[in-house]
Amino acid sequence: MLTVKNLSKSYGRKKVLHSIDLELDKQVYGLLGANGAGKTTLIRCMAGLYEPQQGQVLYHNQPIQKSALFLHDLGYLPQAFGMFQELTLYEMMEYICCLKKIDKSQYGSEIKQALSSVNLEDKKHDRIKTLSGGMIRRSGIAQAIIGFSKVIFLDEPTAGLDPGERARFKNMINTIKKDRTILISTHIVEDVDACCQSVIVIEAGRVLFQGSCDQLKQAAAQKAYQVKAEDSDKIYGEKYILKINEVNGEIYHRVLAKEKQNYPYEENPTLEDGYMCLVKGIA
């Protein structure tokens, strides 16, 4: 169990995180928020890289700064990830195994499993400097999961990945998630919908929501409407146009409305609908 209690963080006079309380168990969580919402700062505090001005992070009821178990169990992919350019990918993974104090006899099997998970086993003898940006990102995911890390923080893990790599990432998370606490920071709603069991919504350094994906969808229940562009004005009260689509040559708006409408085209709410209702104050 990982617990965040009354955590606040400031840079100078600017307060970035405001009294955050969270409890994370063995499941996959999506940390969802816009760029600048405070996701990276929160993850760095939870990983022990930043010292908060207020509050603490506990792992099995012990402060993480005093927990050797937490350091042993943690796997972390930072938002900006780099590796030693002259090493081969296999040598870099050996270095990670050494840092994680994995038994040397297990290096080969651990590296093979981690690289296979991200489809990079055929690149293990290539030098880091020859790998593409997407491969570097996948290598970062591999080093985070190596050694059966029980607590895994992934900060924007799909940034720079092509559609095929993103699909592979989602499959990988669904494969390794058993008996692990995985926190995935992202601003891409579909990534959360595809592989997370729970979601945490953060906006301007405050947690607006923590619950299941279905519960977040319900924040937009009876609030989502698909209307022709010329009928948008018929949606009354506080509203937000989420999407503009073309269907059979006609332009439609997906509108989120705070009040229930007398309009016939009410839509089933999506995770994106629920998220935008929260951040736009329509929920």
Protein backbone atom coordinates (compact mmCIF):
# COMPACT_ATOMS: atom_id res chain seq x y z
CA MET A 1 0.00 0.00 0.00
CA LEU A 2 1.34 3.42 -1.03
CA THR A 3 -0.19 6.39 0.81
CA VAL A 4 0.15 10.10 0.10
CA LYS A 5 -0.87 12.23 3.09
CA ASN A 6 -1.56 15.97 2.89
CA LEU A 7 1.28 16.51 0.41
CA SER A 8 2.10 20.03 -0.78
CA LYS A 9 5.01 21.22 -2.89
CA SER A 10 6.17 24.72 -3.85
CA TYR A 11 8.85 26.18 -6.07
CA GLY A 12 9.76 29.42 -4.40
CA ARG A 13 6.51 31.30 -3.90
CA LYS A 14 4.62 29.20 -6.45
CA LYS A 15 2.61 26.39 -4.90
CA VAL A 16 2.47 23.49 -7.36
CA LEU A 17 0.73 20.78 -5.29
CA HIS A 18 -2.03 21.51 -2.79
CA SER A 19 -2.67 19.12 0.15
CA ILE A 20 -2.91 15.91 -1.88
CA ASP A 21 -4.23 12.70 -0.29
CA LEU A 22 -4.08 9.39 -2.18
CA GLU A 23 -4.10 5.67 -1.49
CA LEU A 24 -2.71 3.28 -4.11
CA ASP A 25 -3.10 -0.49 -3.93
CA LYS A 26 -2.12 -3.31 -6.31
CA GLN A 27 -3.70 -2.15 -9.55
CA VAL A 28 -3.05 0.14 -12.52
CA TYR A 29 -3.79 3.84 -11.99
CA GLY A 30 -3.92 6.55 -14.61
CA LEU A 31 -2.74 9.97 -13.41
CA LEU A 32 -4.65 12.15 -15.85
CA GLY A 33 -4.16 15.87 -16.30
CA ALA A 34 -3.18 18.58 -18.75
CA ASN A 35 0.43 19.63 -19.27
CA GLY A 36 1.41 21.73 -16.26
CA ALA A 37 -1.23 20.24 -13.96
CA GLY A 38 1.41 18.93 -11.53
CA LYS A 39 1.65 15.28 -12.61
CA THR A 40 5.45 15.12 -12.88
CA THR A 41 6.00 16.99 -9.62
CA LEU A 42 3.63 14.62 -7.82
CA ILE A 43 5.39 11.54 -9.20
CA ARG A 44 8.81 12.91 -8.25
CA CYS A 45 7.58 13.53 -4.71
CA MET A 46 6.12 10.02 -4.58
CA ALA A 47 9.43 8.58 -5.82
CA GLY A 48 11.36 10.46 -3.14
CA LEU A 49 13.19 12.71 -5.61
CA TYR A 50 11.57 15.90 -4.29
CA GLU A 51 11.12 16.84 -0.66
CA PRO A 52 7.60 18.24 -0.11
CA GLN A 53 7.05 21.32 2.04
CA GLN A 54 4.18 19.54 3.77
CA GLY A 55 2.93 15.99 4.17
CA GLN A 56 4.58 12.65 3.46
CA VAL A 57 4.53 9.51 1.32
CA LEU A 58 4.28 6.15 3.10
CA TYR A 59 5.02 2.65 1.81
CA HIS A 60 3.47 -0.02 4.01
CA ASN A 61 3.01 2.68 6.67
CA GLN A 62 6.69 3.69 6.65
CA PRO A 63 8.02 6.99 5.22
CA ILE A 64 9.65 6.23 1.88
CA GLN A 65 12.83 8.11 2.88
CA LYS A 66 13.40 5.50 5.60
CA SER A 67 12.19 2.46 3.63
CA ALA A 68 14.83 0.23 2.06
CA LEU A 69 11.96 -1.94 0.84
CA PHE A 70 10.52 0.97 -1.18
CA LEU A 71 13.83 1.58 -2.96
CA HIS A 72 14.07 -2.13 -3.72
CA ASP A 73 10.50 -2.32 -5.07
CA LEU A 74 10.48 0.92 -7.09
CA GLY A 75 10.70 1.11 -10.87
CA TYR A 76 10.61 4.60 -12.40
CA LEU A 77 10.50 6.01 -15.92
CA PRO A 78 11.03 9.79 -15.80
CA GLN A 79 9.52 12.13 -18.34
CA ALA A 80 12.98 12.91 -19.75
CA PHE A 81 14.89 9.64 -19.97
CA GLY A 82 18.41 9.11 -21.27
CA MET A 83 21.09 6.40 -21.25
CA PHE A 84 24.84 6.14 -21.73
CA GLN A 85 25.29 6.53 -25.47
CA GLU A 86 28.38 4.32 -25.91
CA LEU A 87 26.93 1.30 -24.13
CA THR A 88 24.92 -1.39 -25.88
CA LEU A 89 21.32 -1.81 -24.79
CA TYR A 90 22.24 -5.08 -23.04
CA GLU A 91 25.10 -3.39 -21.17
CA MET A 92 22.76 -0.61 -20.09
CA MET A 93 20.28 -3.15 -18.76
CA GLU A 94 23.12 -4.89 -16.89
CA TYR A 95 23.93 -1.53 -15.28
CA ILE A 96 20.29 -1.15 -14.21
CA CYS A 97 20.34 -4.69 -12.76
CA CYS A 98 23.43 -3.74 -10.76
CA LEU A 99 21.76 -0.57 -9.42
CA LYS A 100 18.71 -2.62 -8.41
CA LYS A 101 20.97 -5.16 -6.65
CA ILE A 102 19.59 -8.04 -8.70
CA ASP A 103 21.57 -11.26 -8.28
CA LYS A 104 24.14 -11.46 -11.08
CA SER A 105 23.04 -14.97 -11.98
CA GLN A 106 19.60 -13.54 -12.83
CA TYR A 107 20.78 -10.75 -15.16
CA GLY A 108 20.29 -12.72 -18.37
CA SER A 109 16.74 -13.90 -17.64
CA GLU A 110 15.64 -10.55 -16.22
CA ILE A 111 17.00 -8.60 -19.20
CA LYS A 112 15.50 -11.03 -21.71
CA GLN A 113 12.07 -10.78 -20.10
CA ALA A 114 12.15 -6.97 -19.86
CA LEU A 115 13.36 -6.43 -23.44
CA SER A 116 10.90 -8.99 -24.81
CA SER A 117 8.06 -7.11 -23.08
CA VAL A 118 8.87 -3.99 -25.11
CA ASN A 119 9.84 -5.84 -28.32
CA LEU A 120 13.52 -4.84 -28.19
CA GLU A 121 15.30 -8.15 -27.68
CA ASP A 122 16.65 -8.03 -31.23
CA LYS A 123 18.32 -4.67 -30.42
CA LYS A 124 20.15 -5.78 -27.28
CA HIS A 125 23.61 -5.63 -28.90
CA ASP A 126 23.01 -2.24 -30.56
CA ARG A 127 24.62 0.85 -29.07
CA ILE A 128 22.27 3.30 -27.39
CA LYS A 129 23.31 6.09 -29.77
CA THR A 130 21.94 4.10 -32.74
CA LEU A 131 18.44 3.63 -31.28
CA SER A 132 15.48 5.74 -32.35
CA GLY A 133 13.56 7.98 -29.95
CA GLY A 134 10.75 5.44 -29.70
CA MET A 135 13.23 2.66 -28.91
CA ILE A 136 14.81 4.79 -26.18
CA ARG A 137 11.37 5.30 -24.67
CA ARG A 138 10.67 1.56 -24.78
CA SER A 139 14.08 0.92 -23.23
CA GLY A 140 13.05 3.26 -20.42
CA ILE A 141 9.93 1.19 -19.83
CA ALA A 142 12.07 -1.97 -19.81
CA GLN A 143 14.43 -0.63 -17.14
CA ALA A 144 11.46 0.40 -14.99
CA ILE A 145 9.91 -3.08 -14.96
CA ILE A 146 13.11 -5.13 -14.70
CA GLY A 147 13.56 -7.18 -11.53
CA PHE A 148 9.83 -7.46 -10.85
CA SER A 149 9.46 -3.94 -9.49
CA LYS A 150 6.35 -3.95 -7.31
CA VAL A 151 5.77 -0.19 -7.53
CA ILE A 152 6.14 1.29 -11.02
CA PHE A 153 5.85 4.99 -11.90
CA LEU A 154 5.70 5.75 -15.64
CA ASP A 155 5.75 9.46 -16.51
CA GLU A 156 4.30 10.02 -20.02
CA PRO A 157 5.43 6.54 -21.17
CA THR A 158 3.77 6.71 -24.61
CA ALA A 159 5.29 10.07 -25.59
CA GLY A 160 7.09 9.59 -28.92
CA LEU A 161 5.69 6.11 -29.54
CA ASP A 162 3.99 5.31 -32.84
CA PRO A 163 0.49 3.72 -32.86
CA GLY A 164 1.87 0.18 -33.02
CA GLU A 165 4.24 0.81 -30.10
CA ARG A 166 1.44 2.39 -28.06
CA ALA A 167 -0.75 -0.67 -28.64
CA ARG A 168 2.15 -2.90 -27.57
CA PHE A 169 2.63 -0.80 -24.44
CA LYS A 170 -1.01 -1.25 -23.45
CA ASN A 171 -0.76 -5.00 -23.98
CA MET A 172 2.43 -5.10 -21.91
CA ILE A 173 0.80 -3.29 -19.00
CA ASN A 174 -2.12 -5.71 -19.05
CA THR A 175 0.38 -8.59 -19.02
CA ILE A 176 2.54 -7.42 -16.08
CA LYS A 177 -0.03 -5.71 -13.85
CA LYS A 178 -0.72 -8.62 -11.49
CA ASP A 179 0.48 -7.96 -7.90
CA ARG A 180 1.93 -4.57 -8.84
CA THR A 181 1.07 -0.95 -8.14
CA ILE A 182 1.46 0.88 -11.45
CA LEU A 183 0.94 4.62 -11.84
CA ILE A 184 0.86 5.94 -15.41
CA SER A 185 1.03 9.71 -15.83
CA THR A 186 -0.47 10.96 -19.09
CA HIS A 187 -2.66 13.57 -20.75
CA ILE A 188 -3.93 10.99 -23.29
CA VAL A 189 -7.34 9.79 -22.14
CA GLU A 190 -7.46 6.75 -24.44
CA ASP A 191 -4.28 5.34 -22.84
CA VAL A 192 -6.00 5.43 -19.44
CA ASP A 193 -9.18 3.90 -20.84
CA ALA A 194 -7.22 1.05 -22.45
CA CYS A 195 -5.08 -0.19 -19.57
CA CYS A 196 -5.98 1.45 -16.24
CA GLN A 197 -8.40 0.16 -13.62
CA SER A 198 -8.56 3.43 -11.70
CA VAL A 199 -7.95 7.05 -12.54
CA ILE A 200 -6.73 10.10 -10.64
CA VAL A 201 -7.57 13.47 -12.17
CA ILE A 202 -5.26 16.33 -11.26
CA GLU A 203 -5.79 19.96 -12.24
CA ALA A 204 -3.73 22.98 -11.10
CA GLY A 205 -2.03 20.87 -8.43
CA ARG A 206 -5.26 19.59 -6.89
CA VAL A 207 -6.80 16.14 -7.10
CA LEU A 208 -10.30 16.52 -8.52
CA PHE A 209 -11.15 12.83 -8.62
CA GLN A 210 -9.94 9.37 -7.64
CA GLY A 211 -12.00 6.33 -8.54
CA SER A 212 -12.73 3.75 -11.22
CA CYS A 213 -12.90 4.56 -14.91
CA ASP A 214 -16.62 3.80 -14.87
CA GLN A 215 -17.14 6.26 -12.02
CA LEU A 216 -15.35 8.97 -13.98
CA LYS A 217 -17.55 8.27 -17.00
CA GLN A 218 -20.59 8.78 -14.79
CA ALA A 219 -19.45 12.35 -14.10
CA ALA A 220 -20.76 13.02 -17.62
CA ALA A 221 -23.99 11.02 -17.30
CA GLN A 222 -26.85 12.86 -19.05
CA LYS A 223 -24.43 15.63 -20.02
CA ALA A 224 -23.11 14.51 -23.44
CA TYR A 225 -24.98 15.34 -26.67
CA GLN A 226 -24.18 14.88 -30.35
CA VAL A 227 -25.81 17.72 -32.25
CA LYS A 228 -25.65 19.23 -35.72
CA ALA A 229 -23.48 22.33 -35.78
CA GLU A 230 -26.45 24.55 -36.57
CA ASP A 231 -28.30 23.17 -33.53
CA SER A 232 -25.54 23.87 -30.98
CA ASP A 233 -27.34 27.02 -29.84
CA LYS A 234 -30.28 24.85 -28.79
CA ILE A 235 -28.15 23.45 -25.95
CA TYR A 236 -28.86 25.86 -23.11
CA GLY A 237 -27.04 26.68 -19.90
CA GLU A 238 -23.35 26.17 -19.19
CA LYS A 239 -21.79 24.01 -21.91
CA TYR A 240 -18.54 23.03 -23.60
CA ILE A 241 -17.99 21.89 -27.19
CA LEU A 242 -15.65 18.91 -26.85
CA LYS A 243 -15.31 17.80 -30.48
CA ILE A 244 -16.30 18.83 -33.98
CA ASN A 245 -16.78 15.88 -36.35
CA GLU A 246 -17.95 15.38 -39.90
CA VAL A 247 -20.50 12.57 -40.38
CA ASN A 248 -21.82 11.80 -43.87
CA GLY A 249 -20.90 15.28 -45.05
CA GLU A 250 -22.53 17.07 -42.11
CA ILE A 251 -20.75 18.82 -39.23
CA TYR A 252 -21.63 17.66 -35.71
CA HIS A 253 -20.62 18.98 -32.28
CA ARG A 254 -20.17 16.79 -29.23
CA VAL A 255 -21.42 19.10 -26.49
CA LEU A 256 -21.15 18.69 -22.74
CA ALA A 257 -23.95 20.49 -20.90
CA LYS A 258 -24.27 21.09 -17.17
CA GLU A 259 -28.06 20.87 -17.27
CA LYS A 260 -30.07 17.98 -18.70
CA GLN A 261 -31.42 19.00 -22.10
CA ASN A 262 -34.70 18.34 -23.88
CA TYR A 263 -32.65 17.29 -26.88
CA PRO A 264 -33.14 13.82 -28.39
CA TYR A 265 -29.50 12.94 -29.11
CA GLU A 266 -28.08 12.22 -25.67
CA GLU A 267 -24.88 10.13 -25.88
CA ASN A 268 -23.42 7.46 -23.64
CA PRO A 269 -20.65 9.14 -21.63
CA THR A 270 -17.00 8.34 -22.35
CA LEU A 271 -13.96 8.68 -20.08
CA GLU A 272 -12.98 11.83 -21.98
CA ASP A 273 -16.47 13.27 -21.40
CA GLY A 274 -16.17 12.66 -17.66
CA TYR A 275 -12.66 14.12 -17.50
CA MET A 276 -13.61 17.28 -19.38
CA CYS A 277 -16.76 17.73 -17.29
CA LEU A 278 -14.58 17.76 -14.19
CA VAL A 279 -11.88 20.13 -15.43
CA LYS A 280 -14.39 22.50 -17.05
CA GLY A 281 -16.61 22.59 -13.94
CA ILE A 282 -19.58 21.01 -15.73
CA ALA A 283 -19.81 17.87 -13.53
